[in-house]
């Protein structure tokens, strides 16, 4: 049985060698596989981790996902420093080099279109958070029992707390709309992602805006300046800028079909 190959990205040859700093998922070396005017960046991975059944189990493990995502991004970032590429989704796995060549064959048109459209472009992420309830209004769990005046004071504090939270959410909503609208005018494309929650958010507060923007590499400094200019120092809201990334959110490979991937 052919070994499994993890595929990180697709580019055009020549690559001039995958950077030596690129270490693949599981710590293995990274190499190119060329086929018919395209090039896939791959590394060998273990069947006990990436065959269809164990992979399905791993995808429920947030720690495993985080480790795999870091290794995936490390390779994509290293290769993206030397050439334009189309990043593939996390855990794209093919059965041997024949499966990789089949992937390149089946997706040849889309890969070429994406490489042309995304050349010289990077992705910037903008997230906006509103302070969570416990951050905006730490309150005792129950009202004091000293007397009527203490009870009234407690109710007043609760009312002020609720009003503070409502004002914070109003400011966050208004800022999210303004950020998205104005930043879209300084980008070639934008994507709105579902706000993150729970462990995926990995940050204090409630994620109100989760947007990605496609920007020409040479315009990145100006784009960062626009984000800073549009971010007021308001209490209760926080803006997080990440990037530059490979243009994951803008790689359109939705029409690929039976393409040599494990489980395809």
Protein backbone atom coordinates (compact mmCIF):
# COMPACT_ATOMS: atom_id res chain seq x y z
CA UNK A 1 0.00 0.00 0.00
CA UNK A 2 1.29 3.47 -0.87
CA UNK A 3 2.33 5.71 2.00
CA UNK A 4 0.29 8.75 2.94
CA UNK A 5 1.39 12.24 1.94
CA UNK A 6 0.16 15.40 3.65
CA UNK A 7 -0.33 18.21 1.09
CA UNK A 8 0.18 21.77 2.35
CA UNK A 9 -0.07 23.95 -0.72
CA UNK A 10 0.12 24.09 -4.50
CA UNK A 11 2.47 26.39 -6.43
CA UNK A 12 4.12 26.63 -9.82
CA UNK A 13 7.63 25.31 -10.43
CA UNK A 14 10.41 25.99 -10.06
CA UNK A 15 10.31 26.29 -6.30
CA UNK A 16 14.07 26.47 -5.90
CA UNK A 17 13.92 24.06 -2.98
CA UNK A 18 11.60 24.02 0.00
CA UNK A 19 13.16 26.16 2.76
CA UNK A 20 15.22 24.12 5.20
CA UNK A 21 13.32 25.62 8.13
CA UNK A 22 10.09 23.97 6.98
CA UNK A 23 9.31 20.92 9.13
CA UNK A 24 6.15 19.06 8.32
CA UNK A 25 3.34 17.63 10.42
CA UNK A 26 4.83 15.04 12.75
CA UNK A 27 8.32 16.48 12.31
CA UNK A 28 9.04 14.99 8.90
CA UNK A 29 10.92 16.73 6.06
CA UNK A 30 9.00 18.62 3.38
CA UNK A 31 9.50 18.10 -0.35
CA UNK A 32 7.91 19.10 -3.67
CA UNK A 33 6.04 16.83 -6.06
CA UNK A 34 5.86 18.29 -9.59
CA UNK A 35 3.30 17.38 -12.22
CA UNK A 36 2.22 19.00 -15.46
CA UNK A 37 3.15 22.61 -14.66
CA UNK A 38 2.10 22.50 -11.01
CA UNK A 39 3.88 21.64 -7.78
CA UNK A 40 2.53 20.24 -4.51
CA UNK A 41 4.38 20.73 -1.22
CA UNK A 42 4.12 17.48 0.77
CA UNK A 43 5.51 15.44 3.65
CA UNK A 44 5.08 11.81 4.72
CA UNK A 45 2.64 11.16 7.58
CA UNK A 46 1.74 8.04 9.55
CA UNK A 47 -1.23 5.94 8.48
CA UNK A 48 -2.23 5.41 12.13
CA UNK A 49 -2.87 9.15 12.36
CA UNK A 50 -4.14 10.04 8.90
CA UNK A 51 -6.09 7.11 7.51
CA UNK A 52 -9.75 8.05 7.29
CA UNK A 53 -10.95 6.49 10.58
CA UNK A 54 -8.17 7.74 12.93
CA UNK A 55 -8.19 11.13 11.23
CA UNK A 56 -11.91 11.47 11.92
CA UNK A 57 -11.21 10.84 15.62
CA UNK A 58 -8.28 13.28 15.67
CA UNK A 59 -10.44 16.04 14.23
CA UNK A 60 -12.44 15.97 17.49
CA UNK A 61 -9.26 16.54 19.54
CA UNK A 62 -8.60 20.29 19.92
CA UNK A 63 -5.03 19.80 21.15
CA UNK A 64 -4.17 17.60 18.18
CA UNK A 65 -5.82 20.07 15.84
CA UNK A 66 -3.83 22.96 17.31
CA UNK A 67 -0.50 21.12 16.93
CA UNK A 68 -1.33 20.09 13.36
CA UNK A 69 -2.48 23.60 12.44
CA UNK A 70 0.77 25.11 13.75
CA UNK A 71 2.89 22.71 11.70
CA UNK A 72 0.69 23.25 8.64
CA UNK A 73 0.95 27.03 8.90
CA UNK A 74 4.71 26.86 9.50
CA UNK A 75 5.22 25.06 6.19
CA UNK A 76 2.83 27.31 4.27
CA UNK A 77 4.47 30.44 5.68
CA UNK A 78 7.99 29.21 4.85
CA UNK A 79 7.07 28.30 1.27
CA UNK A 80 5.05 31.50 0.86
CA UNK A 81 8.22 33.49 1.52
CA UNK A 82 9.79 32.18 -1.71
CA UNK A 83 6.83 31.82 -4.09
CA UNK A 84 3.12 32.45 -4.62
CA UNK A 85 0.96 29.54 -3.56
CA UNK A 86 -2.55 28.26 -2.98
CA UNK A 87 -2.83 26.97 0.61
CA UNK A 88 -4.85 23.78 1.03
CA UNK A 89 -7.17 23.07 3.91
CA UNK A 90 -5.94 21.41 7.07
CA UNK A 91 -5.37 17.62 6.86
CA UNK A 92 -5.44 17.26 3.07
CA UNK A 93 -3.90 13.80 2.64
CA UNK A 94 -3.23 11.76 -0.51
CA UNK A 95 -2.22 8.14 -0.99
CA UNK A 96 1.31 8.31 -2.35
CA UNK A 97 2.72 10.49 -5.11
CA UNK A 98 0.23 9.01 -7.57
CA UNK A 99 -2.58 10.42 -5.41
CA UNK A 100 -0.86 13.82 -5.31
CA UNK A 101 -0.55 13.86 -9.12
CA UNK A 102 -4.21 12.92 -9.38
CA UNK A 103 -5.04 15.83 -7.07
CA UNK A 104 -3.08 18.18 -9.33
CA UNK A 105 -4.73 16.75 -12.46
CA UNK A 106 -8.29 17.00 -11.16
CA UNK A 107 -7.81 20.52 -9.78
CA UNK A 108 -5.51 21.87 -12.52
CA UNK A 109 -7.89 24.56 -13.78
CA UNK A 110 -8.86 25.80 -10.32
CA UNK A 111 -5.28 25.74 -9.05
CA UNK A 112 -4.14 27.81 -12.05
CA UNK A 113 -7.00 30.31 -11.63
CA UNK A 114 -6.30 30.70 -7.92
CA UNK A 115 -2.56 31.12 -8.45
CA UNK A 116 -3.24 33.90 -10.98
CA UNK A 117 -5.83 35.63 -8.78
CA UNK A 118 -3.94 35.39 -5.48
CA UNK A 119 -0.44 36.16 -6.74
CA UNK A 120 1.19 38.84 -4.59
CA UNK A 121 -1.75 38.89 -2.15
CA UNK A 122 -1.91 38.13 1.57
CA UNK A 123 -4.70 37.71 4.08
CA UNK A 124 -5.21 39.87 7.18
CA UNK A 125 -7.59 38.83 9.95
CA UNK A 126 -9.57 41.35 12.00
CA UNK A 127 -11.50 40.25 15.09
CA UNK A 128 -13.46 42.41 17.46
CA UNK A 129 -14.33 41.37 21.01
CA UNK A 130 -16.84 42.79 23.46
CA UNK A 131 -16.10 42.36 27.15
CA UNK A 132 -17.86 39.37 28.66
CA UNK A 133 -20.31 39.88 31.53
CA UNK A 134 -17.84 39.00 34.25
CA UNK A 135 -15.30 41.44 32.77
CA UNK A 136 -17.67 44.40 32.61
CA UNK A 137 -19.54 43.93 35.87
CA UNK A 138 -18.14 41.72 38.62
CA UNK A 139 -20.99 41.44 41.10
CA UNK A 140 -21.68 39.40 44.23
CA UNK A 141 -23.70 36.24 43.63
CA UNK A 142 -26.49 37.29 45.97
CA UNK A 143 -27.79 40.48 47.55
CA UNK A 144 -26.52 41.47 51.01
CA UNK A 145 -28.89 40.77 53.87
CA UNK A 146 -28.19 43.80 56.08
CA UNK A 147 -31.43 45.57 55.34
CA UNK A 148 -33.69 47.32 52.80
CA UNK A 149 -31.15 50.02 51.92
CA UNK A 150 -28.50 47.39 51.17
CA UNK A 151 -31.00 45.54 48.99
CA UNK A 152 -31.80 48.73 47.06
CA UNK A 153 -28.08 49.43 46.61
CA UNK A 154 -27.60 45.95 45.25
CA UNK A 155 -30.43 46.40 42.74
CA UNK A 156 -28.98 49.75 41.65
CA UNK A 157 -25.61 48.10 41.06
CA UNK A 158 -27.27 45.36 39.04
CA UNK A 159 -29.09 47.94 36.95
CA UNK A 160 -25.87 49.90 36.31
CA UNK A 161 -24.12 46.64 35.43
CA UNK A 162 -26.80 45.74 32.89
CA UNK A 163 -26.73 49.22 31.37
CA UNK A 164 -22.93 49.06 31.13
CA UNK A 165 -23.08 45.73 29.31
CA UNK A 166 -25.73 47.04 26.91
CA UNK A 167 -23.64 50.11 26.15
CA UNK A 168 -20.57 47.92 25.60
CA UNK A 169 -22.44 45.70 23.15
CA UNK A 170 -23.88 48.73 21.33
CA UNK A 171 -20.38 50.20 20.93
CA UNK A 172 -19.00 46.84 19.80
CA UNK A 173 -21.75 46.35 17.20
CA UNK A 174 -21.31 49.85 15.80
CA UNK A 175 -17.52 49.50 15.65
CA UNK A 176 -17.77 46.06 14.01
CA UNK A 177 -19.98 47.44 11.25
CA UNK A 178 -17.72 50.43 10.68
CA UNK A 179 -14.54 48.35 10.68
CA UNK A 180 -15.93 45.84 8.21
CA UNK A 181 -17.34 48.47 5.84
CA UNK A 182 -14.32 50.77 5.79
CA UNK A 183 -11.65 48.07 5.70
CA UNK A 184 -13.43 46.36 2.81
CA UNK A 185 -12.81 49.57 0.86
CA UNK A 186 -9.05 49.13 1.36
CA UNK A 187 -8.97 45.45 0.36
CA UNK A 188 -9.48 43.54 -2.88
CA UNK A 189 -11.88 41.09 -1.23
CA UNK A 190 -13.32 40.27 2.19
CA UNK A 191 -14.88 37.31 3.94
CA UNK A 192 -17.04 37.27 7.04
CA UNK A 193 -16.47 34.15 9.13
CA UNK A 194 -18.71 32.88 11.88
CA UNK A 195 -17.72 34.45 15.22
CA UNK A 196 -15.65 32.07 17.32
CA UNK A 197 -16.84 30.84 20.68
CA UNK A 198 -15.73 28.64 23.55
CA UNK A 199 -12.25 27.10 23.30
CA UNK A 200 -11.88 28.16 19.66
CA UNK A 201 -12.01 31.84 20.58
CA UNK A 202 -8.87 31.54 22.77
CA UNK A 203 -9.29 35.12 23.93
CA UNK A 204 -11.02 37.19 26.59
CA UNK A 205 -14.42 38.56 25.68
CA UNK A 206 -17.10 37.64 23.15
CA UNK A 207 -16.13 37.55 19.48
CA UNK A 208 -18.43 39.96 17.63
CA UNK A 209 -16.58 40.32 14.31
CA UNK A 210 -14.42 37.68 12.60
CA UNK A 211 -13.39 38.96 9.17
CA UNK A 212 -10.63 38.29 6.63
CA UNK A 213 -9.34 40.74 4.05
CA UNK A 214 -7.36 40.08 0.86
CA UNK A 215 -4.68 42.75 0.45
CA UNK A 216 -1.82 43.23 -1.98
CA UNK A 217 1.42 42.47 -0.18
CA UNK A 218 2.81 45.92 -0.89
CA UNK A 219 -0.32 47.53 0.60
CA UNK A 220 -0.07 45.67 3.92
CA UNK A 221 1.54 48.50 5.87
CA UNK A 222 -1.18 50.91 4.78
CA UNK A 223 -3.89 48.38 5.66
CA UNK A 224 -2.48 47.95 9.18
CA UNK A 225 -2.51 51.74 9.50
CA UNK A 226 -6.21 51.83 8.53
CA UNK A 227 -7.02 49.26 11.24
CA UNK A 228 -5.16 51.30 13.85
CA UNK A 229 -6.84 54.52 12.75
CA UNK A 230 -10.30 52.95 12.91
CA UNK A 231 -9.79 51.43 16.36
CA UNK A 232 -10.78 53.91 19.10
CA UNK A 233 -9.52 53.37 22.67
CA UNK A 234 -13.02 52.55 23.93
CA UNK A 235 -13.59 50.57 27.14
CA UNK A 236 -15.34 47.24 26.77
CA UNK A 237 -14.27 46.55 23.17
CA UNK A 238 -11.02 45.23 21.72
CA UNK A 239 -9.74 44.76 18.15
CA UNK A 240 -7.27 41.99 17.27
CA UNK A 241 -5.32 42.15 13.99
CA UNK A 242 -3.50 39.02 12.74
CA UNK A 243 -1.39 38.37 9.67
CA UNK A 244 -0.12 38.52 7.11
CA UNK A 245 -1.25 34.99 6.28
CA UNK A 246 -1.39 32.99 3.10
CA UNK A 247 -4.80 33.70 1.55
CA UNK A 248 -6.63 30.70 3.05
CA UNK A 249 -10.04 32.38 3.09
CA UNK A 250 -9.83 33.30 -0.59
CA UNK A 251 -8.64 30.03 -2.13
CA UNK A 252 -11.67 28.74 -4.03
CA UNK A 253 -11.24 25.00 -4.61
CA UNK A 254 -14.87 24.04 -4.09
CA UNK A 255 -15.28 22.35 -7.48
CA UNK A 256 -12.65 19.64 -6.94
CA UNK A 257 -14.11 16.15 -7.04
CA UNK A 258 -12.50 12.67 -7.05
CA UNK A 259 -9.01 14.02 -6.64
CA UNK A 260 -6.79 11.40 -5.04
CA UNK A 261 -7.31 12.43 -1.42
CA UNK A 262 -7.74 9.82 1.29
CA UNK A 263 -11.48 9.50 1.87
CA UNK A 264 -12.33 11.51 -1.28
